Amino acid sequence: MIYLALAIWGAIHPMYWFVTYMNETGTGLSGLIDAWYVNASTTGLTWDLTIAAIALTVWIVAETWVRRNWTALVAIPATYLIGVSCGLPLYLFLRTRPVG
């Protein structure tokens, strides 16, 4: 249940800051994406999270193939649509559940 709580937190907390930024600047999603590349620090963090998301996706696919836990695949869209902070704990929650 800790993994599920972290997944929920990982979905809500970062999204709060993204929405706050978009409301403050009035630029919407395109402005948020532009901000990810505004300097070397944010660009590095963006690439760090992108590489982590790709590695998580490879791991999810490999583990799902072996364990046949097809429900765990929902962590992939959660990773790319919400973020690694939601996708990773969601996958760990789904992975630790008994597979019927």
PDB file of N, CA and C in Angstrom:
ATOM      1  N   MET A   1       0.816  -1.197   0.000  1.00  0.00           N
ATOM      2  CA  MET A   1       0.000   0.000   0.000  1.00  0.00           C
ATOM      3  C   MET A   1       0.862   1.265   0.000  1.00  0.00           C
ATOM      4  N   ILE A   2       2.090   1.137   0.488  1.00  0.00           N
ATOM      5  CA  ILE A   2       2.997   2.293   0.463  1.00  0.00           C
ATOM      6  C   ILE A   2       3.293   2.689  -0.979  1.00  0.00           C
ATOM      7  N   TYR A   3       3.503   1.694  -1.851  1.00  0.00           N
ATOM      8  CA  TYR A   3       3.753   1.991  -3.261  1.00  0.00           C
ATOM      9  C   TYR A   3       2.564   2.714  -3.891  1.00  0.00           C
ATOM     10  N   LEU A   4       1.357   2.290  -3.561  1.00  0.00           N
ATOM     11  CA  LEU A   4       0.172   2.934  -4.102  1.00  0.00           C
ATOM     12  C   LEU A   4       0.070   4.380  -3.609  1.00  0.00           C
ATOM     13  N   ALA A   5       0.349   4.589  -2.343  1.00  0.00           N
ATOM     14  CA  ALA A   5       0.340   5.949  -1.794  1.00  0.00           C
ATOM     15  C   ALA A   5       1.383   6.823  -2.480  1.00  0.00           C
ATOM     16  N   LEU A   6       2.562   6.272  -2.738  1.00  0.00           N
ATOM     17  CA  LEU A   6       3.614   7.027  -3.433  1.00  0.00           C
ATOM     18  C   LEU A   6       3.205   7.329  -4.875  1.00  0.00           C
ATOM     19  N   ALA A   7       2.525   6.395  -5.519  1.00  0.00           N
ATOM     20  CA  ALA A   7       2.061   6.630  -6.894  1.00  0.00           C
ATOM     21  C   ALA A   7       1.049   7.768  -6.926  1.00  0.00           C
ATOM     22  N   ILE A   8       0.148   7.786  -5.968  1.00  0.00           N
ATOM     23  CA  ILE A   8      -0.848   8.860  -5.906  1.00  0.00           C
ATOM     24  C   ILE A   8      -0.161  10.192  -5.620  1.00  0.00           C
ATOM     25  N   TRP A   9       0.742  10.185  -4.675  1.00  0.00           N
ATOM     26  CA  TRP A   9       1.502  11.404  -4.359  1.00  0.00           C
ATOM     27  C   TRP A   9       2.306  11.849  -5.583  1.00  0.00           C
ATOM     28  N   GLY A  10       2.930  10.893  -6.267  1.00  0.00           N
ATOM     29  CA  GLY A  10       3.721  11.189  -7.458  1.00  0.00           C
ATOM     30  C   GLY A  10       2.887  11.699  -8.617  1.00  0.00           C
ATOM     31  N   ALA A  11       1.604  11.459  -8.590  1.00  0.00           N
ATOM     32  CA  ALA A  11       0.715  11.996  -9.623  1.00  0.00           C
ATOM     33  C   ALA A  11       0.233  13.400  -9.252  1.00  0.00           C
ATOM     34  N   ILE A  12      -0.112  13.595  -7.995  1.00  0.00           N
ATOM     35  CA  ILE A  12      -0.733  14.851  -7.571  1.00  0.00           C
ATOM     36  C   ILE A  12       0.279  15.965  -7.314  1.00  0.00           C
ATOM     37  N   HIS A  13       1.320  15.677  -6.577  1.00  0.00           N
ATOM     38  CA  HIS A  13       2.259  16.727  -6.153  1.00  0.00           C
ATOM     39  C   HIS A  13       2.957  17.421  -7.328  1.00  0.00           C
ATOM     40  N   PRO A  14       3.594  16.687  -8.246  1.00  0.00           N
ATOM     41  CA  PRO A  14       4.214  17.377  -9.393  1.00  0.00           C
ATOM     42  C   PRO A  14       3.189  18.098 -10.267  1.00  0.00           C
ATOM     43  N   MET A  15       2.016  17.488 -10.439  1.00  0.00           N
ATOM     44  CA  MET A  15       0.991  18.102 -11.281  1.00  0.00           C
ATOM     45  C   MET A  15       0.547  19.449 -10.710  1.00  0.00           C
ATOM     46  N   TYR A  16       0.497  19.556  -9.387  1.00  0.00           N
ATOM     47  CA  TYR A  16       0.154  20.824  -8.751  1.00  0.00           C
ATOM     48  C   TYR A  16       1.113  21.917  -9.208  1.00  0.00           C
ATOM     49  N   TRP A  17       2.410  21.609  -9.223  1.00  0.00           N
ATOM     50  CA  TRP A  17       3.416  22.612  -9.607  1.00  0.00           C
ATOM     51  C   TRP A  17       3.356  22.922 -11.097  1.00  0.00           C
ATOM     52  N   PHE A  18       3.089  21.909 -11.922  1.00  0.00           N
ATOM     53  CA  PHE A  18       2.955  22.148 -13.360  1.00  0.00           C
ATOM     54  C   PHE A  18       1.770  23.061 -13.654  1.00  0.00           C
ATOM     55  N   VAL A  19       0.630  22.766 -13.041  1.00  0.00           N
ATOM     56  CA  VAL A  19      -0.564  23.581 -13.261  1.00  0.00           C
ATOM     57  C   VAL A  19      -0.358  24.988 -12.720  1.00  0.00           C
ATOM     58  N   THR A  20       0.287  25.108 -11.557  1.00  0.00           N
ATOM     59  CA  THR A  20       0.590  26.432 -10.990  1.00  0.00           C
ATOM     60  C   THR A  20       1.437  27.232 -11.952  1.00  0.00           C
ATOM     61  N   TYR A  21       2.468  26.618 -12.510  1.00  0.00           N
ATOM     62  CA  TYR A  21       3.350  27.305 -13.463  1.00  0.00           C
ATOM     63  C   TYR A  21       2.574  27.758 -14.698  1.00  0.00           C
ATOM     64  N   MET A  22       1.760  26.859 -15.240  1.00  0.00           N
ATOM     65  CA  MET A  22       1.012  27.199 -16.452  1.00  0.00           C
ATOM     66  C   MET A  22       0.000  28.317 -16.183  1.00  0.00           C
ATOM     67  N   ASN A  23      -0.611  28.317 -15.006  1.00  0.00           N
ATOM     68  CA  ASN A  23      -1.548  29.392 -14.656  1.00  0.00           C
ATOM     69  C   ASN A  23      -0.830  30.727 -14.463  1.00  0.00           C
ATOM     70  N   GLU A  24       0.344  30.687 -13.848  1.00  0.00           N
ATOM     71  CA  GLU A  24       1.108  31.924 -13.608  1.00  0.00           C
ATOM     72  C   GLU A  24       1.609  32.541 -14.902  1.00  0.00           C
ATOM     73  N   THR A  25       2.074  31.706 -15.811  1.00  0.00           N
ATOM     74  CA  THR A  25       2.661  32.233 -17.049  1.00  0.00           C
ATOM     75  C   THR A  25       1.632  32.385 -18.159  1.00  0.00           C
ATOM     76  N   GLY A  26       0.549  31.649 -18.079  1.00  0.00           N
ATOM     77  CA  GLY A  26      -0.470  31.711 -19.111  1.00  0.00           C
ATOM     78  C   GLY A  26      -0.034  31.125 -20.440  1.00  0.00           C
ATOM     79  N   THR A  27       1.006  30.307 -20.419  1.00  0.00           N
ATOM     80  CA  THR A  27       1.550  29.760 -21.660  1.00  0.00           C
ATOM     81  C   THR A  27       1.048  28.365 -21.982  1.00  0.00           C
ATOM     82  N   GLY A  28       0.388  27.716 -21.039  1.00  0.00           N
ATOM     83  CA  GLY A  28      -0.121  26.381 -21.276  1.00  0.00           C
ATOM     84  C   GLY A  28       0.971  25.328 -21.335  1.00  0.00           C
ATOM     85  N   LEU A  29       0.620  24.203 -21.917  1.00  0.00           N
ATOM     86  CA  LEU A  29       1.540  23.069 -21.986  1.00  0.00           C
ATOM     87  C   LEU A  29       2.776  23.380 -22.813  1.00  0.00           C
ATOM     88  N   SER A  30       2.628  24.115 -23.909  1.00  0.00           N
ATOM     89  CA  SER A  30       3.801  24.425 -24.749  1.00  0.00           C
ATOM     90  C   SER A  30       4.803  25.284 -23.971  1.00  0.00           C
ATOM     91  N   GLY A  31       4.321  26.186 -23.138  1.00  0.00           N
ATOM     92  CA  GLY A  31       5.218  26.994 -22.311  1.00  0.00           C
ATOM     93  C   GLY A  31       5.924  26.162 -21.258  1.00  0.00           C
ATOM     94  N   LEU A  32       5.206  25.173 -20.721  1.00  0.00           N
ATOM     95  CA  LEU A  32       5.821  24.281 -19.738  1.00  0.00           C
ATOM     96  C   LEU A  32       6.938  23.473 -20.386  1.00  0.00           C
ATOM     97  N   ILE A  33       6.674  22.952 -21.567  1.00  0.00           N
ATOM     98  CA  ILE A  33       7.695  22.162 -22.276  1.00  0.00           C
ATOM     99  C   ILE A  33       8.891  23.050 -22.640  1.00  0.00           C
ATOM    100  N   ASP A  34       8.642  24.275 -23.067  1.00  0.00           N
ATOM    101  CA  ASP A  34       9.742  25.205 -23.352  1.00  0.00           C
ATOM    102  C   ASP A  34      10.590  25.448 -22.106  1.00  0.00           C
ATOM    103  N   ALA A  35       9.944  25.511 -20.942  1.00  0.00           N
ATOM    104  CA  ALA A  35      10.670  25.754 -19.692  1.00  0.00           C
ATOM    105  C   ALA A  35      11.595  24.594 -19.331  1.00  0.00           C
ATOM    106  N   TRP A  36      11.292  23.405 -19.817  1.00  0.00           N
ATOM    107  CA  TRP A  36      12.148  22.256 -19.538  1.00  0.00           C
ATOM    108  C   TRP A  36      13.520  22.398 -20.188  1.00  0.00           C
ATOM    109  N   TYR A  37      13.634  23.292 -21.165  1.00  0.00           N
ATOM    110  CA  TYR A  37      14.898  23.456 -21.896  1.00  0.00           C
ATOM    111  C   TYR A  37      15.440  24.871 -21.783  1.00  0.00           C
ATOM    112  N   VAL A  38      15.061  25.589 -20.727  1.00  0.00           N
ATOM    113  CA  VAL A  38      15.443  26.997 -20.590  1.00  0.00           C
ATOM    114  C   VAL A  38      16.923  27.166 -20.237  1.00  0.00           C
ATOM    115  N   ASN A  39      17.531  26.201 -19.563  1.00  0.00           N
ATOM    116  CA  ASN A  39      18.962  26.281 -19.246  1.00  0.00           C
ATOM    117  C   ASN A  39      19.540  24.867 -19.126  1.00  0.00           C
ATOM    118  N   ALA A  40      20.832  24.791 -18.919  1.00  0.00           N
ATOM    119  CA  ALA A  40      21.503  23.486 -18.884  1.00  0.00           C
ATOM    120  C   ALA A  40      20.999  22.614 -17.735  1.00  0.00           C
ATOM    121  N   SER A  41      20.667  23.217 -16.616  1.00  0.00           N
ATOM    122  CA  SER A  41      20.189  22.459 -15.463  1.00  0.00           C
ATOM    123  C   SER A  41      18.848  21.784 -15.741  1.00  0.00           C
ATOM    124  N   THR A  42      17.891  22.537 -16.261  1.00  0.00           N
ATOM    125  CA  THR A  42      16.575  21.949 -16.541  1.00  0.00           C
ATOM    126  C   THR A  42      16.637  20.979 -17.713  1.00  0.00           C
ATOM    127  N   THR A  43      17.490  21.257 -18.687  1.00  0.00           N
ATOM    128  CA  THR A  43      17.654  20.331 -19.798  1.00  0.00           C
ATOM    129  C   THR A  43      18.236  19.009 -19.297  1.00  0.00           C
ATOM    130  N   GLY A  44      19.230  19.082 -18.415  1.00  0.00           N
ATOM    131  CA  GLY A  44      19.812  17.869 -17.839  1.00  0.00           C
ATOM    132  C   GLY A  44      18.796  17.068 -17.045  1.00  0.00           C
ATOM    133  N   LEU A  45      17.973  17.760 -16.266  1.00  0.00           N
ATOM    134  CA  LEU A  45      16.945  17.077 -15.492  1.00  0.00           C
ATOM    135  C   LEU A  45      15.901  16.443 -16.410  1.00  0.00           C
ATOM    136  N   THR A  46      15.541  17.138 -17.480  1.00  0.00           N
ATOM    137  CA  THR A  46      14.583  16.593 -18.441  1.00  0.00           C
ATOM    138  C   THR A  46      15.120  15.309 -19.059  1.00  0.00           C
ATOM    139  N   TRP A  47      16.394  15.332 -19.474  1.00  0.00           N
ATOM    140  CA  TRP A  47      16.981  14.129 -20.065  1.00  0.00           C
ATOM    141  C   TRP A  47      17.139  13.022 -19.037  1.00  0.00           C
ATOM    142  N   ASP A  48      17.453  13.377 -17.804  1.00  0.00           N
ATOM    143  CA  ASP A  48      17.574  12.394 -16.731  1.00  0.00           C
ATOM    144  C   ASP A  48      16.254  11.647 -16.558  1.00  0.00           C
ATOM    145  N   LEU A  49      15.155  12.379 -16.504  1.00  0.00           N
ATOM    146  CA  LEU A  49      13.843  11.756 -16.330  1.00  0.00           C
ATOM    147  C   LEU A  49      13.406  10.991 -17.581  1.00  0.00           C
ATOM    148  N   THR A  50      13.789  11.475 -18.751  1.00  0.00           N
ATOM    149  CA  THR A  50      13.453  10.772 -19.990  1.00  0.00           C
ATOM    150  C   THR A  50      14.152   9.419 -20.048  1.00  0.00           C
ATOM    151  N   ILE A  51      15.427   9.399 -19.715  1.00  0.00           N
ATOM    152  CA  ILE A  51      16.189   8.142 -19.719  1.00  0.00           C
ATOM    153  C   ILE A  51      15.644   7.197 -18.656  1.00  0.00           C
ATOM    154  N   ALA A  52      15.295   7.726 -17.486  1.00  0.00           N
ATOM    155  CA  ALA A  52      14.698   6.898 -16.429  1.00  0.00           C
ATOM    156  C   ALA A  52      13.367   6.308 -16.892  1.00  0.00           C
ATOM    157  N   ALA A  53      12.556   7.095 -17.598  1.00  0.00           N
ATOM    158  CA  ALA A  53      11.266   6.608 -18.101  1.00  0.00           C
ATOM    159  C   ALA A  53      11.459   5.500 -19.124  1.00  0.00           C
ATOM    160  N   ILE A  54      12.450   5.651 -19.998  1.00  0.00           N
ATOM    161  CA  ILE A  54      12.730   4.618 -21.003  1.00  0.00           C
ATOM    162  C   ILE A  54      13.209   3.339 -20.323  1.00  0.00           C
ATOM    163  N   ALA A  55      14.108   3.462 -19.345  1.00  0.00           N
ATOM    164  CA  ALA A  55      14.603   2.286 -18.617  1.00  0.00           C
ATOM    165  C   ALA A  55      13.464   1.594 -17.877  1.00  0.00           C
ATOM    166  N   LEU A  56      12.584   2.379 -17.260  1.00  0.00           N
ATOM    167  CA  LEU A  56      11.435   1.802 -16.559  1.00  0.00           C
ATOM    168  C   LEU A  56      10.530   1.067 -17.536  1.00  0.00           C
ATOM    169  N   THR A  57      10.319   1.621 -18.706  1.00  0.00           N
ATOM    170  CA  THR A  57       9.476   0.985 -19.720  1.00  0.00           C
ATOM    171  C   THR A  57      10.057  -0.354 -20.150  1.00  0.00           C
ATOM    172  N   VAL A  58      11.353  -0.387 -20.397  1.00  0.00           N
ATOM    173  CA  VAL A  58      12.014  -1.644 -20.783  1.00  0.00           C
ATOM    174  C   VAL A  58      11.852  -2.684 -19.675  1.00  0.00           C
ATOM    175  N   TRP A  59      12.047  -2.260 -18.433  1.00  0.00           N
ATOM    176  CA  TRP A  59      11.908  -3.170 -17.296  1.00  0.00           C
ATOM    177  C   TRP A  59      10.473  -3.683 -17.180  1.00  0.00           C
ATOM    178  N   ILE A  60       9.494  -2.792 -17.306  1.00  0.00           N
ATOM    179  CA  ILE A  60       8.091  -3.197 -17.206  1.00  0.00           C
ATOM    180  C   ILE A  60       7.747  -4.220 -18.284  1.00  0.00           C
ATOM    181  N   VAL A  61       8.156  -3.948 -19.513  1.00  0.00           N
ATOM    182  CA  VAL A  61       7.853  -4.878 -20.614  1.00  0.00           C
ATOM    183  C   VAL A  61       8.524  -6.231 -20.380  1.00  0.00           C
ATOM    184  N   ALA A  62       9.791  -6.222 -19.974  1.00  0.00           N
ATOM    185  CA  ALA A  62      10.512  -7.478 -19.738  1.00  0.00           C
ATOM    186  C   ALA A  62       9.882  -8.284 -18.606  1.00  0.00           C
ATOM    187  N   GLU A  63       9.576  -7.622 -17.504  1.00  0.00           N
ATOM    188  CA  GLU A  63       8.980  -8.309 -16.362  1.00  0.00           C
ATOM    189  C   GLU A  63       7.569  -8.802 -16.676  1.00  0.00           C
ATOM    190  N   THR A  64       6.813  -7.992 -17.397  1.00  0.00           N
ATOM    191  CA  THR A  64       5.448  -8.379 -17.743  1.00  0.00           C
ATOM    192  C   THR A  64       5.454  -9.604 -18.645  1.00  0.00           C
ATOM    193  N   TRP A  65       6.388  -9.637 -19.554  1.00  0.00           N
ATOM    194  CA  TRP A  65       6.501 -10.777 -20.465  1.00  0.00           C
ATOM    195  C   TRP A  65       6.765 -12.069 -19.683  1.00  0.00           C
ATOM    196  N   VAL A  66       7.632 -11.995 -18.674  1.00  0.00           N
ATOM    197  CA  VAL A  66       7.992 -13.175 -17.890  1.00  0.00           C
ATOM    198  C   VAL A  66       6.880 -13.556 -16.917  1.00  0.00           C
ATOM    199  N   ARG A  67       6.339 -12.577 -16.205  1.00  0.00           N
ATOM    200  CA  ARG A  67       5.362 -12.839 -15.145  1.00  0.00           C
ATOM    201  C   ARG A  67       3.929 -12.938 -15.659  1.00  0.00           C
ATOM    202  N   ARG A  68       3.693 -12.487 -16.885  1.00  0.00           N
ATOM    203  CA  ARG A  68       2.348 -12.493 -17.471  1.00  0.00           C
ATOM    204  C   ARG A  68       1.359 -11.667 -16.635  1.00  0.00           C
ATOM    205  N   ASN A  69       1.877 -10.611 -16.034  1.00  0.00           N
ATOM    206  CA  ASN A  69       1.059  -9.709 -15.232  1.00  0.00           C
ATOM    207  C   ASN A  69       0.681  -8.525 -16.118  1.00  0.00           C
ATOM    208  N   TRP A  70      -0.269  -8.736 -17.020  1.00  0.00           N
ATOM    209  CA  TRP A  70      -0.593  -7.760 -18.051  1.00  0.00           C
ATOM    210  C   TRP A  70      -1.135  -6.456 -17.482  1.00  0.00           C
ATOM    211  N   THR A  71      -1.741  -6.506 -16.311  1.00  0.00           N
ATOM    212  CA  THR A  71      -2.262  -5.296 -15.681  1.00  0.00           C
ATOM    213  C   THR A  71      -1.150  -4.292 -15.403  1.00  0.00           C
ATOM    214  N   ALA A  72       0.041  -4.784 -15.152  1.00  0.00           N
ATOM    215  CA  ALA A  72       1.169  -3.903 -14.827  1.00  0.00           C
ATOM    216  C   ALA A  72       1.540  -2.980 -15.982  1.00  0.00           C
ATOM    217  N   LEU A  73       1.079  -3.298 -17.184  1.00  0.00           N
ATOM    218  CA  LEU A  73       1.383  -2.446 -18.339  1.00  0.00           C
ATOM    219  C   LEU A  73       0.758  -1.057 -18.225  1.00  0.00           C
ATOM    220  N   VAL A  74      -0.234  -0.874 -17.360  1.00  0.00           N
ATOM    221  CA  VAL A  74      -0.827   0.460 -17.188  1.00  0.00           C
ATOM    222  C   VAL A  74       0.179   1.446 -16.608  1.00  0.00           C
ATOM    223  N   ALA A  75       1.270   0.956 -16.039  1.00  0.00           N
ATOM    224  CA  ALA A  75       2.304   1.841 -15.504  1.00  0.00           C
ATOM    225  C   ALA A  75       3.052   2.567 -16.621  1.00  0.00           C
ATOM    226  N   ILE A  76       3.033   2.038 -17.836  1.00  0.00           N
ATOM    227  CA  ILE A  76       3.735   2.693 -18.942  1.00  0.00           C
ATOM    228  C   ILE A  76       3.054   4.003 -19.330  1.00  0.00           C
ATOM    229  N   PRO A  77       1.752   4.006 -19.636  1.00  0.00           N
ATOM    230  CA  PRO A  77       1.139   5.306 -19.922  1.00  0.00           C
ATOM    231  C   PRO A  77       1.170   6.246 -18.721  1.00  0.00           C
ATOM    232  N   ALA A  78       1.078   5.702 -17.515  1.00  0.00           N
ATOM    233  CA  ALA A  78       1.171   6.560 -16.322  1.00  0.00           C
ATOM    234  C   ALA A  78       2.532   7.250 -16.269  1.00  0.00           C
ATOM    235  N   THR A  79       3.580   6.546 -16.672  1.00  0.00           N
ATOM    236  CA  THR A  79       4.925   7.116 -16.668  1.00  0.00           C
ATOM    237  C   THR A  79       5.041   8.269 -17.645  1.00  0.00           C
ATOM    238  N   TYR A  80       4.506   8.097 -18.852  1.00  0.00           N
ATOM    239  CA  TYR A  80       4.669   9.131 -19.880  1.00  0.00           C
ATOM    240  C   TYR A  80       3.621  10.239 -19.805  1.00  0.00           C
ATOM    241  N   LEU A  81       2.443   9.946 -19.297  1.00  0.00           N
ATOM    242  CA  LEU A  81       1.407  10.974 -19.212  1.00  0.00           C
ATOM    243  C   LEU A  81       1.445  11.741 -17.893  1.00  0.00           C
ATOM    244  N   ILE A  82       1.944  11.107 -16.838  1.00  0.00           N
ATOM    245  CA  ILE A  82       2.015  11.764 -15.530  1.00  0.00           C
ATOM    246  C   ILE A  82       3.465  11.987 -15.138  1.00  0.00           C
ATOM    247  N   GLY A  83       4.268  10.932 -15.099  1.00  0.00           N
ATOM    248  CA  GLY A  83       5.679  11.073 -14.766  1.00  0.00           C
ATOM    249  C   GLY A  83       6.231   9.826 -14.110  1.00  0.00           C
ATOM    250  N   VAL A  84       7.544   9.765 -14.032  1.00  0.00           N
ATOM    251  CA  VAL A  84       8.238   8.643 -13.396  1.00  0.00           C
ATOM    252  C   VAL A  84       7.844   8.553 -11.922  1.00  0.00           C
ATOM    253  N   SER A  85       7.577   9.693 -11.307  1.00  0.00           N
ATOM    254  CA  SER A  85       7.216   9.714  -9.887  1.00  0.00           C
ATOM    255  C   SER A  85       5.890   9.008  -9.631  1.00  0.00           C
ATOM    256  N   CYS A  86       5.088   8.821 -10.636  1.00  0.00           N
ATOM    257  CA  CYS A  86       3.850   8.046 -10.522  1.00  0.00           C
ATOM    258  C   CYS A  86       4.035   6.653 -11.108  1.00  0.00           C
ATOM    259  N   GLY A  87       4.662   6.555 -12.271  1.00  0.00           N
ATOM    260  CA  GLY A  87       4.794   5.277 -12.968  1.00  0.00           C
ATOM    261  C   GLY A  87       5.588   4.227 -12.223  1.00  0.00           C
ATOM    262  N   LEU A  88       6.704   4.627 -11.613  1.00  0.00           N
ATOM    263  CA  LEU A  88       7.541   3.645 -10.903  1.00  0.00           C
ATOM    264  C   LEU A  88       6.834   3.078  -9.678  1.00  0.00           C
ATOM    265  N   PRO A  89       6.338   3.904  -8.755  1.00  0.00           N
ATOM    266  CA  PRO A  89       5.655   3.286  -7.613  1.00  0.00           C
ATOM    267  C   PRO A  89       4.378   2.537  -8.009  1.00  0.00           C
ATOM    268  N   LEU A  90       3.694   2.995  -9.070  1.00  0.00           N
ATOM    269  CA  LEU A  90       2.518   2.271  -9.538  1.00  0.00           C
ATOM    270  C   LEU A  90       2.922   0.888 -10.036  1.00  0.00           C
ATOM    271  N   TYR A  91       4.005   0.819 -10.803  1.00  0.00           N
ATOM    272  CA  TYR A  91       4.459  -0.487 -11.275  1.00  0.00           C
ATOM    273  C   TYR A  91       4.866  -1.378 -10.107  1.00  0.00           C
ATOM    274  N   LEU A  92       5.578  -0.828  -9.137  1.00  0.00           N
ATOM    275  CA  LEU A  92       5.988  -1.629  -7.981  1.00  0.00           C
ATOM    276  C   LEU A  92       4.774  -2.134  -7.205  1.00  0.00           C
ATOM    277  N   PHE A  93       3.744  -1.299  -7.089  1.00  0.00           N
ATOM    278  CA  PHE A  93       2.504  -1.735  -6.443  1.00  0.00           C
ATOM    279  C   PHE A  93       1.885  -2.891  -7.225  1.00  0.00           C
ATOM    280  N   LEU A  94       1.782  -2.741  -8.537  1.00  0.00           N
ATOM    281  CA  LEU A  94       1.162  -3.779  -9.355  1.00  0.00           C
ATOM    282  C   LEU A  94       2.011  -5.045  -9.404  1.00  0.00           C
ATOM    283  N   ARG A  95       3.316  -4.888  -9.306  1.00  0.00           N
ATOM    284  CA  ARG A  95       4.224  -6.036  -9.359  1.00  0.00           C
ATOM    285  C   ARG A  95       4.179  -6.858  -8.068  1.00  0.00           C
ATOM    286  N   THR A  96       3.960  -6.188  -6.952  1.00  0.00           N
ATOM    287  CA  THR A  96       4.000  -6.905  -5.668  1.00  0.00           C
ATOM    288  C   THR A  96       2.670  -7.558  -5.320  1.00  0.00           C
ATOM    289  N   ARG A  97       1.625  -7.254  -6.097  1.00  0.00           N
ATOM    290  CA  ARG A  97       0.339  -7.909  -5.876  1.00  0.00           C
ATOM    291  C   ARG A  97       0.407  -9.360  -6.359  1.00  0.00           C
ATOM    292  N   PRO A  98      -0.333 -10.246  -5.736  1.00  0.00           N
ATOM    293  CA  PRO A  98      -0.392 -11.614  -6.249  1.00  0.00           C
ATOM    294  C   PRO A  98      -1.051 -11.633  -7.635  1.00  0.00           C
ATOM    295  N   VAL A  99      -0.466 -12.380  -8.549  1.00  0.00           N
ATOM    296  CA  VAL A  99      -1.002 -12.503  -9.898  1.00  0.00           C
ATOM    297  C   VAL A  99      -1.929 -13.707  -9.930  1.00  0.00           C
ATOM    298  N   GLY A 100      -3.179 -13.481 -10.350  1.00  0.00           N
ATOM    299  CA  GLY A 100      -4.174 -14.576 -10.361  1.00  0.00           C
ATOM    300  C   GLY A 100      -3.994 -15.402 -11.551  1.00  0.00           C
TER     301      GLY A 100
END
